[in-house]
Amino acid sequence: MTNPFENPEAEYLVLINEEKQYSLWPKFAEVPAGWTTVHSDDRASCIEYINSNWTEMRPHSLVQQMNATA
């Protein structure tokens, strides 16, 4: 059995959670609770989307906390 996260010919979703963290997800799989679909395409396009949009690696709550104390 092959890993469904590494199939270059499959369709994928890009998910985001409340902490503004991204995930690459196979399109056939149910989206987990707490995650929202923000993009859908082939694997390469989804990875490009993540690389272009996930520019802050820190969880959103940490960024807010640090900004509040600055």
PDB file of N, CA and C in Angstrom:
ATOM      1  N   MET A   1       0.847  -1.193   0.000  1.00  0.00           N
ATOM      2  CA  MET A   1       0.000   0.000   0.000  1.00  0.00           C
ATOM      3  C   MET A   1       0.884   1.244   0.000  1.00  0.00           C
ATOM      4  N   THR A   2       0.539   2.209  -0.835  1.00  0.00           N
ATOM      5  CA  THR A   2       1.306   3.449  -0.913  1.00  0.00           C
ATOM      6  C   THR A   2       0.739   4.485   0.045  1.00  0.00           C
ATOM      7  N   ASN A   3       1.575   5.439   0.390  1.00  0.00           N
ATOM      8  CA  ASN A   3       1.172   6.512   1.291  1.00  0.00           C
ATOM      9  C   ASN A   3       0.291   7.499   0.517  1.00  0.00           C
ATOM     10  N   PRO A   4      -0.964   7.714   0.937  1.00  0.00           N
ATOM     11  CA  PRO A   4      -1.857   8.619   0.200  1.00  0.00           C
ATOM     12  C   PRO A   4      -1.408  10.081   0.239  1.00  0.00           C
ATOM     13  N   PHE A   5      -0.464  10.414   1.113  1.00  0.00           N
ATOM     14  CA  PHE A   5       0.030  11.784   1.199  1.00  0.00           C
ATOM     15  C   PHE A   5       1.161  12.044   0.207  1.00  0.00           C
ATOM     16  N   GLU A   6       1.630  11.002  -0.479  1.00  0.00           N
ATOM     17  CA  GLU A   6       2.769  11.155  -1.379  1.00  0.00           C
ATOM     18  C   GLU A   6       2.450  10.815  -2.832  1.00  0.00           C
ATOM     19  N   ASN A   7       1.198  10.621  -3.168  1.00  0.00           N
ATOM     20  CA  ASN A   7       0.817  10.271  -4.528  1.00  0.00           C
ATOM     21  C   ASN A   7       0.746  11.543  -5.376  1.00  0.00           C
ATOM     22  N   PRO A   8       1.683  11.743  -6.309  1.00  0.00           N
ATOM     23  CA  PRO A   8       1.691  12.981  -7.097  1.00  0.00           C
ATOM     24  C   PRO A   8       0.506  13.111  -8.049  1.00  0.00           C
ATOM     25  N   GLU A   9      -0.198  12.022  -8.315  1.00  0.00           N
ATOM     26  CA  GLU A   9      -1.329  12.075  -9.242  1.00  0.00           C
ATOM     27  C   GLU A   9      -2.679  12.218  -8.545  1.00  0.00           C
ATOM     28  N   ALA A  10      -2.688  12.161  -7.243  1.00  0.00           N
ATOM     29  CA  ALA A  10      -3.947  12.266  -6.496  1.00  0.00           C
ATOM     30  C   ALA A  10      -4.356  13.730  -6.352  1.00  0.00           C
ATOM     31  N   GLU A  11      -5.606  13.933  -5.960  1.00  0.00           N
ATOM     32  CA  GLU A  11      -6.090  15.283  -5.655  1.00  0.00           C
ATOM     33  C   GLU A  11      -5.988  15.501  -4.148  1.00  0.00           C
ATOM     34  N   TYR A  12      -5.666  16.719  -3.775  1.00  0.00           N
ATOM     35  CA  TYR A  12      -5.435  17.051  -2.377  1.00  0.00           C
ATOM     36  C   TYR A  12      -6.213  18.292  -1.970  1.00  0.00           C
ATOM     37  N   LEU A  13      -6.298  18.472  -0.677  1.00  0.00           N
ATOM     38  CA  LEU A  13      -6.859  19.672  -0.073  1.00  0.00           C
ATOM     39  C   LEU A  13      -5.765  20.343   0.741  1.00  0.00           C
ATOM     40  N   VAL A  14      -5.853  21.646   0.851  1.00  0.00           N
ATOM     41  CA  VAL A  14      -5.052  22.381   1.822  1.00  0.00           C
ATOM     42  C   VAL A  14      -6.016  22.786   2.917  1.00  0.00           C
ATOM     43  N   LEU A  15      -5.678  22.413   4.140  1.00  0.00           N
ATOM     44  CA  LEU A  15      -6.511  22.726   5.298  1.00  0.00           C
ATOM     45  C   LEU A  15      -5.810  23.756   6.160  1.00  0.00           C
ATOM     46  N   ILE A  16      -6.612  24.506   6.933  1.00  0.00           N
ATOM     47  CA  ILE A  16      -6.072  25.448   7.906  1.00  0.00           C
ATOM     48  C   ILE A  16      -6.886  25.310   9.182  1.00  0.00           C
ATOM     49  N   ASN A  17      -6.214  25.474  10.329  1.00  0.00           N
ATOM     50  CA  ASN A  17      -6.927  25.398  11.605  1.00  0.00           C
ATOM     51  C   ASN A  17      -6.967  26.780  12.267  1.00  0.00           C
ATOM     52  N   GLU A  18      -7.538  26.846  13.456  1.00  0.00           N
ATOM     53  CA  GLU A  18      -7.688  28.134  14.154  1.00  0.00           C
ATOM     54  C   GLU A  18      -6.351  28.777  14.494  1.00  0.00           C
ATOM     55  N   GLU A  19      -5.299  27.976  14.580  1.00  0.00           N
ATOM     56  CA  GLU A  19      -3.966  28.501  14.885  1.00  0.00           C
ATOM     57  C   GLU A  19      -3.231  28.939  13.613  1.00  0.00           C
ATOM     58  N   LYS A  20      -3.960  28.923  12.484  1.00  0.00           N
ATOM     59  CA  LYS A  20      -3.415  29.306  11.177  1.00  0.00           C
ATOM     60  C   LYS A  20      -2.257  28.398  10.761  1.00  0.00           C
ATOM     61  N   GLN A  21      -2.371  27.122  11.117  1.00  0.00           N
ATOM     62  CA  GLN A  21      -1.430  26.098  10.685  1.00  0.00           C
ATOM     63  C   GLN A  21      -2.055  25.370   9.500  1.00  0.00           C
ATOM     64  N   TYR A  22      -1.239  25.007   8.532  1.00  0.00           N
ATOM     65  CA  TYR A  22      -1.715  24.388   7.299  1.00  0.00           C
ATOM     66  C   TYR A  22      -1.427  22.896   7.294  1.00  0.00           C
ATOM     67  N   SER A  23      -2.219  22.171   6.497  1.00  0.00           N
ATOM     68  CA  SER A  23      -2.036  20.735   6.337  1.00  0.00           C
ATOM     69  C   SER A  23      -2.388  20.331   4.910  1.00  0.00           C
ATOM     70  N   LEU A  24      -1.593  19.420   4.353  1.00  0.00           N
ATOM     71  CA  LEU A  24      -1.886  18.801   3.063  1.00  0.00           C
ATOM     72  C   LEU A  24      -2.688  17.544   3.348  1.00  0.00           C
ATOM     73  N   TRP A  25      -3.842  17.405   2.704  1.00  0.00           N
ATOM     74  CA  TRP A  25      -4.778  16.326   3.047  1.00  0.00           C
ATOM     75  C   TRP A  25      -5.310  15.669   1.781  1.00  0.00           C
ATOM     76  N   PRO A  26      -5.353  14.342   1.712  1.00  0.00           N
ATOM     77  CA  PRO A  26      -5.928  13.686   0.532  1.00  0.00           C
ATOM     78  C   PRO A  26      -7.403  14.051   0.378  1.00  0.00           C
ATOM     79  N   LYS A  27      -7.826  14.331  -0.852  1.00  0.00           N
ATOM     80  CA  LYS A  27      -9.191  14.790  -1.098  1.00  0.00           C
ATOM     81  C   LYS A  27     -10.234  13.743  -0.721  1.00  0.00           C
ATOM     82  N   PHE A  28      -9.883  12.457  -0.811  1.00  0.00           N
ATOM     83  CA  PHE A  28     -10.849  11.398  -0.510  1.00  0.00           C
ATOM     84  C   PHE A  28     -11.124  11.253   0.986  1.00  0.00           C
ATOM     85  N   ALA A  29     -10.237  11.794   1.821  1.00  0.00           N
ATOM     86  CA  ALA A  29     -10.363  11.616   3.270  1.00  0.00           C
ATOM     87  C   ALA A  29     -11.235  12.717   3.874  1.00  0.00           C
ATOM     88  N   GLU A  30     -11.962  12.362   4.902  1.00  0.00           N
ATOM     89  CA  GLU A  30     -12.812  13.329   5.603  1.00  0.00           C
ATOM     90  C   GLU A  30     -11.948  14.390   6.273  1.00  0.00           C
ATOM     91  N   VAL A  31     -12.380  15.637   6.166  1.00  0.00           N
ATOM     92  CA  VAL A  31     -11.660  16.740   6.807  1.00  0.00           C
ATOM     93  C   VAL A  31     -11.859  16.627   8.314  1.00  0.00           C
ATOM     94  N   PRO A  32     -10.766  16.613   9.082  1.00  0.00           N
ATOM     95  CA  PRO A  32     -10.886  16.477  10.534  1.00  0.00           C
ATOM     96  C   PRO A  32     -11.559  17.696  11.176  1.00  0.00           C
ATOM     97  N   ALA A  33     -12.174  17.472  12.307  1.00  0.00           N
ATOM     98  CA  ALA A  33     -12.794  18.561  13.069  1.00  0.00           C
ATOM     99  C   ALA A  33     -11.734  19.614  13.388  1.00  0.00           C
ATOM    100  N   GLY A  34     -12.138  20.870  13.296  1.00  0.00           N
ATOM    101  CA  GLY A  34     -11.233  21.971  13.612  1.00  0.00           C
ATOM    102  C   GLY A  34     -10.419  22.467  12.425  1.00  0.00           C
ATOM    103  N   TRP A  35     -10.584  21.835  11.282  1.00  0.00           N
ATOM    104  CA  TRP A  35      -9.852  22.221  10.079  1.00  0.00           C
ATOM    105  C   TRP A  35     -10.831  22.674   8.999  1.00  0.00           C
ATOM    106  N   THR A  36     -10.410  23.638   8.165  1.00  0.00           N
ATOM    107  CA  THR A  36     -11.223  24.181   7.084  1.00  0.00           C
ATOM    108  C   THR A  36     -10.440  24.083   5.778  1.00  0.00           C
ATOM    109  N   THR A  37     -11.115  23.714   4.703  1.00  0.00           N
ATOM    110  CA  THR A  37     -10.482  23.646   3.385  1.00  0.00           C
ATOM    111  C   THR A  37     -10.318  25.054   2.814  1.00  0.00           C
ATOM    112  N   VAL A  38      -9.090  25.373   2.362  1.00  0.00           N
ATOM    113  CA  VAL A  38      -8.828  26.683   1.760  1.00  0.00           C
ATOM    114  C   VAL A  38      -8.337  26.581   0.319  1.00  0.00           C
ATOM    115  N   HIS A  39      -8.021  25.358  -0.130  1.00  0.00           N
ATOM    116  CA  HIS A  39      -7.523  25.174  -1.500  1.00  0.00           C
ATOM    117  C   HIS A  39      -7.669  23.709  -1.867  1.00  0.00           C
ATOM    118  N   SER A  40      -7.842  23.449  -3.155  1.00  0.00           N
ATOM    119  CA  SER A  40      -7.963  22.073  -3.643  1.00  0.00           C
ATOM    120  C   SER A  40      -7.362  21.991  -5.037  1.00  0.00           C
ATOM    121  N   ASP A  41      -6.462  21.016  -5.247  1.00  0.00           N
ATOM    122  CA  ASP A  41      -5.839  20.848  -6.564  1.00  0.00           C
ATOM    123  C   ASP A  41      -4.935  19.620  -6.510  1.00  0.00           C
ATOM    124  N   ASP A  42      -3.977  19.538  -7.443  1.00  0.00           N
ATOM    125  CA  ASP A  42      -3.032  18.428  -7.398  1.00  0.00           C
ATOM    126  C   ASP A  42      -2.006  18.686  -6.286  1.00  0.00           C
ATOM    127  N   ARG A  43      -1.184  17.686  -5.999  1.00  0.00           N
ATOM    128  CA  ARG A  43      -0.247  17.765  -4.872  1.00  0.00           C
ATOM    129  C   ARG A  43       0.711  18.947  -5.022  1.00  0.00           C
ATOM    130  N   ALA A  44       1.308  19.099  -6.201  1.00  0.00           N
ATOM    131  CA  ALA A  44       2.279  20.173  -6.414  1.00  0.00           C
ATOM    132  C   ALA A  44       1.655  21.552  -6.202  1.00  0.00           C
ATOM    133  N   SER A  45       0.461  21.759  -6.707  1.00  0.00           N
ATOM    134  CA  SER A  45      -0.223  23.044  -6.542  1.00  0.00           C
ATOM    135  C   SER A  45      -0.545  23.310  -5.074  1.00  0.00           C
ATOM    136  N   CYS A  46      -0.963  22.273  -4.365  1.00  0.00           N
ATOM    137  CA  CYS A  46      -1.288  22.440  -2.944  1.00  0.00           C
ATOM    138  C   CYS A  46      -0.041  22.766  -2.125  1.00  0.00           C
ATOM    139  N   ILE A  47       1.067  22.108  -2.434  1.00  0.00           N
ATOM    140  CA  ILE A  47       2.316  22.408  -1.726  1.00  0.00           C
ATOM    141  C   ILE A  47       2.761  23.835  -2.030  1.00  0.00           C
ATOM    142  N   GLU A  48       2.630  24.254  -3.275  1.00  0.00           N
ATOM    143  CA  GLU A  48       2.959  25.637  -3.637  1.00  0.00           C
ATOM    144  C   GLU A  48       2.075  26.621  -2.868  1.00  0.00           C
ATOM    145  N   TYR A  49       0.785  26.312  -2.750  1.00  0.00           N
ATOM    146  CA  TYR A  49      -0.144  27.170  -2.001  1.00  0.00           C
ATOM    147  C   TYR A  49       0.306  27.284  -0.539  1.00  0.00           C
ATOM    148  N   ILE A  50       0.642  26.160   0.065  1.00  0.00           N
ATOM    149  CA  ILE A  50       1.092  26.171   1.463  1.00  0.00           C
ATOM    150  C   ILE A  50       2.364  27.000   1.598  1.00  0.00           C
ATOM    151  N   ASN A  51       3.334  26.766   0.724  1.00  0.00           N
ATOM    152  CA  ASN A  51       4.599  27.502   0.800  1.00  0.00           C
ATOM    153  C   ASN A  51       4.409  29.002   0.603  1.00  0.00           C
ATOM    154  N   SER A  52       3.432  29.393  -0.196  1.00  0.00           N
ATOM    155  CA  SER A  52       3.175  30.816  -0.448  1.00  0.00           C
ATOM    156  C   SER A  52       2.390  31.490   0.671  1.00  0.00           C
ATOM    157  N   ASN A  53       1.570  30.727   1.374  1.00  0.00           N
ATOM    158  CA  ASN A  53       0.653  31.322   2.349  1.00  0.00           C
ATOM    159  C   ASN A  53       1.016  31.087   3.810  1.00  0.00           C
ATOM    160  N   TRP A  54       1.758  30.041   4.091  1.00  0.00           N
ATOM    161  CA  TRP A  54       2.110  29.747   5.485  1.00  0.00           C
ATOM    162  C   TRP A  54       3.460  30.382   5.769  1.00  0.00           C
ATOM    163  N   THR A  55       3.449  31.662   6.023  1.00  0.00           N
ATOM    164  CA  THR A  55       4.685  32.413   6.220  1.00  0.00           C
ATOM    165  C   THR A  55       5.026  32.610   7.692  1.00  0.00           C
ATOM    166  N   GLU A  56       4.084  32.361   8.570  1.00  0.00           N
ATOM    167  CA  GLU A  56       4.293  32.498  10.016  1.00  0.00           C
ATOM    168  C   GLU A  56       4.158  31.115  10.641  1.00  0.00           C
ATOM    169  N   MET A  57       5.275  30.552  11.074  1.00  0.00           N
ATOM    170  CA  MET A  57       5.262  29.189  11.604  1.00  0.00           C
ATOM    171  C   MET A  57       4.740  29.112  13.047  1.00  0.00           C
ATOM    172  N   ARG A  58       4.774  30.231  13.739  1.00  0.00           N
ATOM    173  CA  ARG A  58       4.295  30.210  15.126  1.00  0.00           C
ATOM    174  C   ARG A  58       2.772  30.109  15.150  1.00  0.00           C
ATOM    175  N   PRO A  59       2.219  29.390  16.134  1.00  0.00           N
ATOM    176  CA  PRO A  59       0.756  29.337  16.263  1.00  0.00           C
ATOM    177  C   PRO A  59       0.189  30.752  16.425  1.00  0.00           C
ATOM    178  N   HIS A  60      -0.989  30.977  15.862  1.00  0.00           N
ATOM    179  CA  HIS A  60      -1.624  32.298  15.880  1.00  0.00           C
ATOM    180  C   HIS A  60      -1.806  32.828  17.306  1.00  0.00           C
ATOM    181  N   SER A  61      -2.162  31.957  18.229  1.00  0.00           N
ATOM    182  CA  SER A  61      -2.362  32.400  19.617  1.00  0.00           C
ATOM    183  C   SER A  61      -1.056  32.917  20.224  1.00  0.00           C
ATOM    184  N   LEU A  62       0.064  32.316  19.874  1.00  0.00           N
ATOM    185  CA  LEU A  62       1.356  32.782  20.372  1.00  0.00           C
ATOM    186  C   LEU A  62       1.694  34.144  19.779  1.00  0.00           C
ATOM    187  N   VAL A  63       1.445  34.326  18.502  1.00  0.00           N
ATOM    188  CA  VAL A  63       1.694  35.616  17.850  1.00  0.00           C
ATOM    189  C   VAL A  63       0.864  36.707  18.519  1.00  0.00           C
ATOM    190  N   GLN A  64      -0.414  36.426  18.761  1.00  0.00           N
ATOM    191  CA  GLN A  64      -1.281  37.406  19.425  1.00  0.00           C
ATOM    192  C   GLN A  64      -0.770  37.731  20.821  1.00  0.00           C
ATOM    193  N   GLN A  65      -0.369  36.716  21.561  1.00  0.00           N
ATOM    194  CA  GLN A  65       0.133  36.925  22.921  1.00  0.00           C
ATOM    195  C   GLN A  65       1.404  37.770  22.896  1.00  0.00           C
ATOM    196  N   MET A  66       2.299  37.473  21.983  1.00  0.00           N
ATOM    197  CA  MET A  66       3.547  38.231  21.896  1.00  0.00           C
ATOM    198  C   MET A  66       3.284  39.674  21.471  1.00  0.00           C
ATOM    199  N   ASN A  67       2.331  39.889  20.571  1.00  0.00           N
ATOM    200  CA  ASN A  67       1.993  41.249  20.145  1.00  0.00           C
ATOM    201  C   ASN A  67       1.336  42.038  21.273  1.00  0.00           C
ATOM    202  N   ALA A  68       0.581  41.368  22.117  1.00  0.00           N
ATOM    203  CA  ALA A  68      -0.098  42.036  23.228  1.00  0.00           C
ATOM    204  C   ALA A  68       0.887  42.495  24.296  1.00  0.00           C
ATOM    205  N   THR A  69       2.000  41.794  24.425  1.00  0.00           N
ATOM    206  CA  THR A  69       2.974  42.146  25.456  1.00  0.00           C
ATOM    207  C   THR A  69       4.088  43.033  24.914  1.00  0.00           C
ATOM    208  N   ALA A  70       4.079  43.301  23.613  1.00  0.00           N
ATOM    209  CA  ALA A  70       5.150  44.113  23.004  1.00  0.00           C
ATOM    210  C   ALA A  70       4.927  45.583  23.232  1.00  0.00           C
TER     211      ALA A  70
END
